[in-house]
């Protein structure tokens, strides 16, 4: 966790954005992450302890440690900022590369991460720019869209906007909400996805955004692991190539 974040600070810096002007004001830091506590918190990771024997500690006391998984020598770096650290994922492979270094974080299937019809919230702090987008960038997810059911957070590859996705068990109905503005601007942003009753909603940096209505029967329950930074290590997977911090999931 980065304790040096300020809630409203912006400065002029050079942006690594395709088609953007040479300088523009962007948020250098996201609003301070206020993490929930208590029995409703079912998983939390802030990366301050880095990795020990390929494992990332779980901080709520209720979830499981994350395992670092990689292919083609893909690694995740844990970078110090202020008094804490964040996770940096491998970059995009060159179009001519014969192998592609990839890495993600994975925790085993856990009943607490299968909310069913219960209220559920998942959140992460992200930092990514457009040059780090290659297709959709999956921040965190449990389940896949065409098998069982799913909840997911991603950054859209074409628009750079944050997206929350829920796929209902049994019917395969997909529901999603998008942020009003892109978050792929090189600054830190706090993204929160929340299912409350029959509503799926998204907020960015503490500002409520898009919402959509769900059927009362739209349940999420699957036997898949929690994955952070990508859906899998397949060649064409929607990998995340930026930085992540302060991840949690909460029931109720």
C-alpha atoms as a PDB file:
ATOM      1  CA  UNK A   1       0.000   0.000   0.000  1.00  0.00           C
ATOM      2  CA  UNK A   2       1.311   3.453  -0.888  1.00  0.00           C
ATOM      3  CA  UNK A   3       0.780   5.816   2.037  1.00  0.00           C
ATOM      4  CA  UNK A   4       2.044   8.784   0.026  1.00  0.00           C
ATOM      5  CA  UNK A   5      -1.091   9.086  -2.158  1.00  0.00           C
ATOM      6  CA  UNK A   6      -2.979  12.382  -2.140  1.00  0.00           C
ATOM      7  CA  UNK A   7      -6.650  12.568  -3.018  1.00  0.00           C
ATOM      8  CA  UNK A   8      -6.617  15.431  -5.489  1.00  0.00           C
ATOM      9  CA  UNK A   9      -3.045  15.982  -6.685  1.00  0.00           C
ATOM     10  CA  UNK A  10      -2.390  16.404 -10.397  1.00  0.00           C
ATOM     11  CA  UNK A  11       0.755  17.630 -12.102  1.00  0.00           C
ATOM     12  CA  UNK A  12       1.954  18.172 -15.657  1.00  0.00           C
ATOM     13  CA  UNK A  13       4.007  15.245 -16.886  1.00  0.00           C
ATOM     14  CA  UNK A  14       4.867  13.704 -20.236  1.00  0.00           C
ATOM     15  CA  UNK A  15       2.336  11.036 -21.117  1.00  0.00           C
ATOM     16  CA  UNK A  16       3.214   7.774 -22.876  1.00  0.00           C
ATOM     17  CA  UNK A  17      -0.165   7.775 -24.634  1.00  0.00           C
ATOM     18  CA  UNK A  18      -0.640   7.135 -28.309  1.00  0.00           C
ATOM     19  CA  UNK A  19      -2.025  10.198 -30.029  1.00  0.00           C
ATOM     20  CA  UNK A  20      -1.978  12.309 -26.835  1.00  0.00           C
ATOM     21  CA  UNK A  21      -0.452  15.778 -26.553  1.00  0.00           C
ATOM     22  CA  UNK A  22       3.082  15.991 -25.205  1.00  0.00           C
ATOM     23  CA  UNK A  23       1.923  17.133 -21.784  1.00  0.00           C
ATOM     24  CA  UNK A  24      -1.393  16.895 -19.967  1.00  0.00           C
ATOM     25  CA  UNK A  25      -2.677  16.933 -16.412  1.00  0.00           C
ATOM     26  CA  UNK A  26      -3.317  13.441 -15.085  1.00  0.00           C
ATOM     27  CA  UNK A  27      -3.777  12.029 -11.585  1.00  0.00           C
ATOM     28  CA  UNK A  28      -0.359  11.041 -10.278  1.00  0.00           C
ATOM     29  CA  UNK A  29      -1.875   9.247  -7.307  1.00  0.00           C
ATOM     30  CA  UNK A  30      -5.261   7.722  -6.615  1.00  0.00           C
ATOM     31  CA  UNK A  31      -7.369   8.639  -3.581  1.00  0.00           C
ATOM     32  CA  UNK A  32      -6.167   6.894  -0.453  1.00  0.00           C
ATOM     33  CA  UNK A  33      -7.551   3.368  -0.428  1.00  0.00           C
ATOM     34  CA  UNK A  34      -9.856   2.889   2.554  1.00  0.00           C
ATOM     35  CA  UNK A  35      -9.889  -0.839   3.047  1.00  0.00           C
ATOM     36  CA  UNK A  36     -12.831  -2.578   4.737  1.00  0.00           C
ATOM     37  CA  UNK A  37     -12.336  -4.647   7.854  1.00  0.00           C
ATOM     38  CA  UNK A  38     -14.336  -7.265   9.734  1.00  0.00           C
ATOM     39  CA  UNK A  39     -15.866 -10.613   8.800  1.00  0.00           C
ATOM     40  CA  UNK A  40     -17.211  -9.413   5.438  1.00  0.00           C
ATOM     41  CA  UNK A  41     -13.662  -8.991   4.094  1.00  0.00           C
ATOM     42  CA  UNK A  42     -12.789 -12.327   2.455  1.00  0.00           C
ATOM     43  CA  UNK A  43      -9.528 -11.546   0.643  1.00  0.00           C
ATOM     44  CA  UNK A  44      -6.989  -8.728   0.706  1.00  0.00           C
ATOM     45  CA  UNK A  45      -3.530  -8.260  -0.834  1.00  0.00           C
ATOM     46  CA  UNK A  46      -1.298  -5.170  -0.787  1.00  0.00           C
ATOM     47  CA  UNK A  47       2.082  -6.655  -1.857  1.00  0.00           C
ATOM     48  CA  UNK A  48       4.032  -4.796   0.832  1.00  0.00           C
ATOM     49  CA  UNK A  49       5.717  -8.026   1.882  1.00  0.00           C
ATOM     50  CA  UNK A  50       6.683  -8.955  -1.676  1.00  0.00           C
ATOM     51  CA  UNK A  51       6.844 -12.655  -2.493  1.00  0.00           C
ATOM     52  CA  UNK A  52       8.236 -15.414  -0.288  1.00  0.00           C
ATOM     53  CA  UNK A  53       8.911 -18.711  -2.062  1.00  0.00           C
ATOM     54  CA  UNK A  54       6.571 -17.568  -4.824  1.00  0.00           C
ATOM     55  CA  UNK A  55       3.702 -16.733  -2.435  1.00  0.00           C
ATOM     56  CA  UNK A  56       1.954 -13.429  -1.634  1.00  0.00           C
ATOM     57  CA  UNK A  57       0.465 -13.149   1.848  1.00  0.00           C
ATOM     58  CA  UNK A  58      -3.299 -12.778   2.291  1.00  0.00           C
ATOM     59  CA  UNK A  59      -4.122 -10.086   4.874  1.00  0.00           C
ATOM     60  CA  UNK A  60      -7.751 -10.593   5.908  1.00  0.00           C
ATOM     61  CA  UNK A  61      -7.020 -13.907   7.621  1.00  0.00           C
ATOM     62  CA  UNK A  62      -9.875 -15.483   5.726  1.00  0.00           C
ATOM     63  CA  UNK A  63      -8.524 -16.017   2.221  1.00  0.00           C
ATOM     64  CA  UNK A  64      -5.608 -17.918   0.700  1.00  0.00           C
ATOM     65  CA  UNK A  65      -2.144 -16.759  -0.328  1.00  0.00           C
ATOM     66  CA  UNK A  66      -1.515 -15.906  -3.968  1.00  0.00           C
ATOM     67  CA  UNK A  67       0.889 -18.031  -5.976  1.00  0.00           C
ATOM     68  CA  UNK A  68       3.036 -16.421  -8.666  1.00  0.00           C
ATOM     69  CA  UNK A  69       2.603 -18.324 -11.948  1.00  0.00           C
ATOM     70  CA  UNK A  70       4.586 -17.597 -15.075  1.00  0.00           C
ATOM     71  CA  UNK A  71       5.563 -18.893 -18.482  1.00  0.00           C
ATOM     72  CA  UNK A  72       8.587 -18.219 -20.709  1.00  0.00           C
ATOM     73  CA  UNK A  73      10.435 -16.713 -17.719  1.00  0.00           C
ATOM     74  CA  UNK A  74       7.636 -14.272 -16.986  1.00  0.00           C
ATOM     75  CA  UNK A  75       8.038 -12.629 -13.575  1.00  0.00           C
ATOM     76  CA  UNK A  76       6.205 -10.144 -11.369  1.00  0.00           C
ATOM     77  CA  UNK A  77       8.287  -7.385  -9.771  1.00  0.00           C
ATOM     78  CA  UNK A  78       7.414  -5.837  -6.408  1.00  0.00           C
ATOM     79  CA  UNK A  79       8.357  -2.188  -6.582  1.00  0.00           C
ATOM     80  CA  UNK A  80       8.817   0.062  -3.548  1.00  0.00           C
ATOM     81  CA  UNK A  81       6.873   3.322  -3.413  1.00  0.00           C
ATOM     82  CA  UNK A  82       6.784   5.293  -0.172  1.00  0.00           C
ATOM     83  CA  UNK A  83       6.533   2.825   2.703  1.00  0.00           C
ATOM     84  CA  UNK A  84       4.926   0.067   0.638  1.00  0.00           C
ATOM     85  CA  UNK A  85       5.165  -1.893  -2.581  1.00  0.00           C
ATOM     86  CA  UNK A  86       3.060  -2.610  -5.654  1.00  0.00           C
ATOM     87  CA  UNK A  87       3.099  -5.413  -8.231  1.00  0.00           C
ATOM     88  CA  UNK A  88       4.448  -4.809 -11.751  1.00  0.00           C
ATOM     89  CA  UNK A  89       3.464  -7.299 -14.457  1.00  0.00           C
ATOM     90  CA  UNK A  90       5.445  -8.288 -17.591  1.00  0.00           C
ATOM     91  CA  UNK A  91       5.245  -5.987 -20.605  1.00  0.00           C
ATOM     92  CA  UNK A  92       3.679  -6.635 -23.988  1.00  0.00           C
ATOM     93  CA  UNK A  93       5.546  -9.023 -26.250  1.00  0.00           C
ATOM     94  CA  UNK A  94       6.916  -7.807 -29.551  1.00  0.00           C
ATOM     95  CA  UNK A  95       4.868  -8.885 -32.565  1.00  0.00           C
ATOM     96  CA  UNK A  96       7.864 -10.830 -33.877  1.00  0.00           C
ATOM     97  CA  UNK A  97       8.566 -12.672 -30.605  1.00  0.00           C
ATOM     98  CA  UNK A  98       8.511 -16.474 -30.784  1.00  0.00           C
ATOM     99  CA  UNK A  99       7.907 -16.777 -27.030  1.00  0.00           C
ATOM    100  CA  UNK A 100       6.109 -14.388 -24.725  1.00  0.00           C
ATOM    101  CA  UNK A 101       6.921 -13.897 -21.046  1.00  0.00           C
ATOM    102  CA  UNK A 102       3.704 -13.908 -19.015  1.00  0.00           C
ATOM    103  CA  UNK A 103       2.844 -13.958 -15.328  1.00  0.00           C
ATOM    104  CA  UNK A 104      -0.220 -13.823 -13.121  1.00  0.00           C
ATOM    105  CA  UNK A 105      -1.216 -14.370  -9.492  1.00  0.00           C
ATOM    106  CA  UNK A 106      -3.546 -17.185  -8.465  1.00  0.00           C
ATOM    107  CA  UNK A 107      -5.396 -18.289  -5.330  1.00  0.00           C
ATOM    108  CA  UNK A 108      -7.378 -21.552  -5.124  1.00  0.00           C
ATOM    109  CA  UNK A 109     -11.147 -21.829  -5.374  1.00  0.00           C
ATOM    110  CA  UNK A 110     -12.737 -20.538  -2.168  1.00  0.00           C
ATOM    111  CA  UNK A 111     -16.410 -20.600  -1.202  1.00  0.00           C
ATOM    112  CA  UNK A 112     -16.048 -17.034   0.119  1.00  0.00           C
ATOM    113  CA  UNK A 113     -15.228 -15.896  -3.408  1.00  0.00           C
ATOM    114  CA  UNK A 114     -18.385 -17.538  -4.774  1.00  0.00           C
ATOM    115  CA  UNK A 115     -21.006 -14.978  -3.723  1.00  0.00           C
ATOM    116  CA  UNK A 116     -23.988 -16.643  -5.359  1.00  0.00           C
ATOM    117  CA  UNK A 117     -26.787 -14.089  -4.939  1.00  0.00           C
ATOM    118  CA  UNK A 118     -25.148 -12.258  -2.048  1.00  0.00           C
ATOM    119  CA  UNK A 119     -23.870  -8.696  -2.196  1.00  0.00           C
ATOM    120  CA  UNK A 120     -20.238  -8.679  -3.281  1.00  0.00           C
ATOM    121  CA  UNK A 121     -17.523  -6.086  -3.871  1.00  0.00           C
ATOM    122  CA  UNK A 122     -14.123  -6.382  -5.566  1.00  0.00           C
ATOM    123  CA  UNK A 123     -11.566  -3.591  -5.842  1.00  0.00           C
ATOM    124  CA  UNK A 124      -8.044  -2.777  -7.018  1.00  0.00           C
ATOM    125  CA  UNK A 125      -5.727   0.167  -7.552  1.00  0.00           C
ATOM    126  CA  UNK A 126      -4.406   0.193 -11.132  1.00  0.00           C
ATOM    127  CA  UNK A 127      -1.753   2.079 -13.054  1.00  0.00           C
ATOM    128  CA  UNK A 128      -1.514   1.478 -16.788  1.00  0.00           C
ATOM    129  CA  UNK A 129      -1.171   3.476 -19.992  1.00  0.00           C
ATOM    130  CA  UNK A 130      -2.397   2.893 -23.526  1.00  0.00           C
ATOM    131  CA  UNK A 131       0.938   1.549 -24.738  1.00  0.00           C
ATOM    132  CA  UNK A 132       0.529  -1.271 -22.170  1.00  0.00           C
ATOM    133  CA  UNK A 133      -2.845  -2.372 -23.573  1.00  0.00           C
ATOM    134  CA  UNK A 134      -2.987  -5.317 -25.956  1.00  0.00           C
ATOM    135  CA  UNK A 135      -6.610  -6.369 -26.104  1.00  0.00           C
ATOM    136  CA  UNK A 136      -8.526  -6.268 -22.844  1.00  0.00           C
ATOM    137  CA  UNK A 137      -6.380  -6.206 -19.703  1.00  0.00           C
ATOM    138  CA  UNK A 138      -7.829  -8.500 -17.036  1.00  0.00           C
ATOM    139  CA  UNK A 139      -7.170  -7.051 -13.589  1.00  0.00           C
ATOM    140  CA  UNK A 140      -8.885  -9.732 -11.501  1.00  0.00           C
ATOM    141  CA  UNK A 141     -11.480 -12.429 -12.032  1.00  0.00           C
ATOM    142  CA  UNK A 142     -12.974 -15.646 -10.799  1.00  0.00           C
ATOM    143  CA  UNK A 143     -14.509 -17.851 -13.449  1.00  0.00           C
ATOM    144  CA  UNK A 144     -14.638 -17.571 -17.227  1.00  0.00           C
ATOM    145  CA  UNK A 145     -17.434 -16.175 -19.358  1.00  0.00           C
ATOM    146  CA  UNK A 146     -18.232 -19.339 -21.312  1.00  0.00           C
ATOM    147  CA  UNK A 147     -17.994 -21.829 -18.431  1.00  0.00           C
ATOM    148  CA  UNK A 148     -20.170 -21.624 -15.319  1.00  0.00           C
ATOM    149  CA  UNK A 149     -20.237 -18.029 -14.147  1.00  0.00           C
ATOM    150  CA  UNK A 150     -17.885 -15.138 -13.495  1.00  0.00           C
ATOM    151  CA  UNK A 151     -17.098 -11.865 -11.788  1.00  0.00           C
ATOM    152  CA  UNK A 152     -14.322  -9.769 -13.321  1.00  0.00           C
ATOM    153  CA  UNK A 153     -12.604  -6.376 -13.512  1.00  0.00           C
ATOM    154  CA  UNK A 154     -10.762  -5.368 -16.665  1.00  0.00           C
ATOM    155  CA  UNK A 155      -9.449  -2.407 -18.663  1.00  0.00           C
ATOM    156  CA  UNK A 156     -10.863  -2.242 -22.184  1.00  0.00           C
ATOM    157  CA  UNK A 157      -8.226  -2.554 -24.894  1.00  0.00           C
ATOM    158  CA  UNK A 158      -9.852  -0.132 -27.324  1.00  0.00           C
ATOM    159  CA  UNK A 159     -11.068   2.552 -24.943  1.00  0.00           C
ATOM    160  CA  UNK A 160      -8.821   2.225 -21.882  1.00  0.00           C
ATOM    161  CA  UNK A 161     -11.926   2.397 -19.690  1.00  0.00           C
ATOM    162  CA  UNK A 162     -12.470   0.356 -16.536  1.00  0.00           C
ATOM    163  CA  UNK A 163     -15.114  -2.360 -16.752  1.00  0.00           C
ATOM    164  CA  UNK A 164     -16.907  -4.548 -14.204  1.00  0.00           C
ATOM    165  CA  UNK A 165     -18.403  -7.789 -15.535  1.00  0.00           C
ATOM    166  CA  UNK A 166     -20.761 -10.373 -14.048  1.00  0.00           C
ATOM    167  CA  UNK A 167     -21.828 -13.562 -15.873  1.00  0.00           C
ATOM    168  CA  UNK A 168     -24.806 -15.412 -14.382  1.00  0.00           C
ATOM    169  CA  UNK A 169     -24.643 -19.108 -13.557  1.00  0.00           C
ATOM    170  CA  UNK A 170     -26.857 -21.319 -15.693  1.00  0.00           C
ATOM    171  CA  UNK A 171     -28.061 -18.701 -18.171  1.00  0.00           C
ATOM    172  CA  UNK A 172     -24.689 -17.290 -19.227  1.00  0.00           C
ATOM    173  CA  UNK A 173     -26.199 -13.794 -19.271  1.00  0.00           C
ATOM    174  CA  UNK A 174     -23.459 -11.156 -19.210  1.00  0.00           C
ATOM    175  CA  UNK A 175     -23.808  -7.808 -17.451  1.00  0.00           C
ATOM    176  CA  UNK A 176     -21.189  -5.076 -17.501  1.00  0.00           C
ATOM    177  CA  UNK A 177     -20.599  -1.433 -16.643  1.00  0.00           C
ATOM    178  CA  UNK A 178     -17.931   0.930 -18.019  1.00  0.00           C
ATOM    179  CA  UNK A 179     -16.241   3.967 -16.537  1.00  0.00           C
ATOM    180  CA  UNK A 180     -17.165   7.271 -18.175  1.00  0.00           C
ATOM    181  CA  UNK A 181     -13.530   8.150 -18.873  1.00  0.00           C
ATOM    182  CA  UNK A 182     -10.392   6.141 -19.651  1.00  0.00           C
ATOM    183  CA  UNK A 183      -8.182   5.098 -16.746  1.00  0.00           C
ATOM    184  CA  UNK A 184      -5.247   4.080 -18.975  1.00  0.00           C
ATOM    185  CA  UNK A 185      -3.479   7.418 -18.541  1.00  0.00           C
ATOM    186  CA  UNK A 186      -0.369   6.448 -16.582  1.00  0.00           C
ATOM    187  CA  UNK A 187      -1.796   7.539 -13.217  1.00  0.00           C
ATOM    188  CA  UNK A 188      -3.034   5.493 -10.271  1.00  0.00           C
ATOM    189  CA  UNK A 189      -6.794   4.909 -10.146  1.00  0.00           C
ATOM    190  CA  UNK A 190      -8.925   3.138  -7.551  1.00  0.00           C
ATOM    191  CA  UNK A 191     -11.566   0.935  -9.198  1.00  0.00           C
ATOM    192  CA  UNK A 192     -14.405  -0.645  -7.221  1.00  0.00           C
ATOM    193  CA  UNK A 193     -16.961  -3.079  -8.648  1.00  0.00           C
ATOM    194  CA  UNK A 194     -20.006  -3.852  -6.521  1.00  0.00           C
ATOM    195  CA  UNK A 195     -23.027  -6.082  -6.798  1.00  0.00           C
ATOM    196  CA  UNK A 196     -25.798  -4.925  -4.441  1.00  0.00           C
ATOM    197  CA  UNK A 197     -29.054  -6.837  -4.809  1.00  0.00           C
ATOM    198  CA  UNK A 198     -30.071  -6.429  -8.438  1.00  0.00           C
ATOM    199  CA  UNK A 199     -27.544  -3.680  -9.242  1.00  0.00           C
ATOM    200  CA  UNK A 200     -24.015  -3.914 -10.618  1.00  0.00           C
ATOM    201  CA  UNK A 201     -22.107  -0.644 -10.166  1.00  0.00           C
ATOM    202  CA  UNK A 202     -18.644   0.783 -10.732  1.00  0.00           C
ATOM    203  CA  UNK A 203     -16.771   3.659  -9.125  1.00  0.00           C
ATOM    204  CA  UNK A 204     -13.412   5.229  -9.973  1.00  0.00           C
ATOM    205  CA  UNK A 205     -11.382   7.183  -7.419  1.00  0.00           C
ATOM    206  CA  UNK A 206     -14.356   7.271  -5.069  1.00  0.00           C
ATOM    207  CA  UNK A 207     -16.726   8.786  -7.654  1.00  0.00           C
ATOM    208  CA  UNK A 208     -19.838   6.654  -8.380  1.00  0.00           C
ATOM    209  CA  UNK A 209     -20.245   5.833 -12.051  1.00  0.00           C
ATOM    210  CA  UNK A 210     -22.176   3.515 -14.307  1.00  0.00           C
ATOM    211  CA  UNK A 211     -24.645   0.944 -13.029  1.00  0.00           C
ATOM    212  CA  UNK A 212     -26.912  -1.667 -14.563  1.00  0.00           C
ATOM    213  CA  UNK A 213     -29.758  -3.859 -13.364  1.00  0.00           C
ATOM    214  CA  UNK A 214     -29.334  -7.597 -12.803  1.00  0.00           C
ATOM    215  CA  UNK A 215     -32.024 -10.271 -12.583  1.00  0.00           C
ATOM    216  CA  UNK A 216     -32.653 -11.350  -9.011  1.00  0.00           C
ATOM    217  CA  UNK A 217     -31.576 -14.861 -10.086  1.00  0.00           C
ATOM    218  CA  UNK A 218     -28.135 -13.828 -11.436  1.00  0.00           C
ATOM    219  CA  UNK A 219     -25.859 -15.972  -9.255  1.00  0.00           C
ATOM    220  CA  UNK A 220     -22.055 -16.340  -9.449  1.00  0.00           C
ATOM    221  CA  UNK A 221     -20.645 -19.642  -8.233  1.00  0.00           C
ATOM    222  CA  UNK A 222     -17.862 -21.609  -9.922  1.00  0.00           C
ATOM    223  CA  UNK A 223     -14.941 -23.918  -9.182  1.00  0.00           C
ATOM    224  CA  UNK A 224     -12.291 -21.709 -10.786  1.00  0.00           C
ATOM    225  CA  UNK A 225      -9.370 -20.075  -8.952  1.00  0.00           C
ATOM    226  CA  UNK A 226      -9.037 -16.358  -8.294  1.00  0.00           C
ATOM    227  CA  UNK A 227      -6.664 -14.918 -10.896  1.00  0.00           C
ATOM    228  CA  UNK A 228      -5.042 -11.492 -10.852  1.00  0.00           C
ATOM    229  CA  UNK A 229      -3.230 -10.076 -13.856  1.00  0.00           C
ATOM    230  CA  UNK A 230      -4.680 -12.361 -16.516  1.00  0.00           C
ATOM    231  CA  UNK A 231      -7.224 -15.136 -17.203  1.00  0.00           C
ATOM    232  CA  UNK A 232      -4.577 -17.805 -17.894  1.00  0.00           C
ATOM    233  CA  UNK A 233      -1.148 -18.196 -19.473  1.00  0.00           C
ATOM    234  CA  UNK A 234      -2.422 -19.087 -22.941  1.00  0.00           C
ATOM    235  CA  UNK A 235      -0.779 -17.416 -25.938  1.00  0.00           C
ATOM    236  CA  UNK A 236      -3.613 -14.995 -26.667  1.00  0.00           C
ATOM    237  CA  UNK A 237      -4.811 -14.362 -23.097  1.00  0.00           C
ATOM    238  CA  UNK A 238      -5.966 -10.873 -22.048  1.00  0.00           C
ATOM    239  CA  UNK A 239      -2.951 -10.208 -19.841  1.00  0.00           C
ATOM    240  CA  UNK A 240      -2.499  -7.137 -17.662  1.00  0.00           C
ATOM    241  CA  UNK A 241       0.786  -5.320 -18.348  1.00  0.00           C
ATOM    242  CA  UNK A 242       0.694  -2.465 -15.818  1.00  0.00           C
ATOM    243  CA  UNK A 243       0.915  -2.139 -12.036  1.00  0.00           C
ATOM    244  CA  UNK A 244      -1.557  -3.227  -9.322  1.00  0.00           C
ATOM    245  CA  UNK A 245      -1.977  -2.652  -5.601  1.00  0.00           C
ATOM    246  CA  UNK A 246      -4.482  -2.779  -2.721  1.00  0.00           C
ATOM    247  CA  UNK A 247      -6.727  -5.612  -3.942  1.00  0.00           C
ATOM    248  CA  UNK A 248      -9.653  -6.926  -1.928  1.00  0.00           C
ATOM    249  CA  UNK A 249     -12.931  -8.837  -2.100  1.00  0.00           C
ATOM    250  CA  UNK A 250     -15.815  -8.387   0.322  1.00  0.00           C
ATOM    251  CA  UNK A 251     -19.098 -10.196   0.939  1.00  0.00           C
ATOM    252  CA  UNK A 252     -22.218  -8.393   2.129  1.00  0.00           C
END
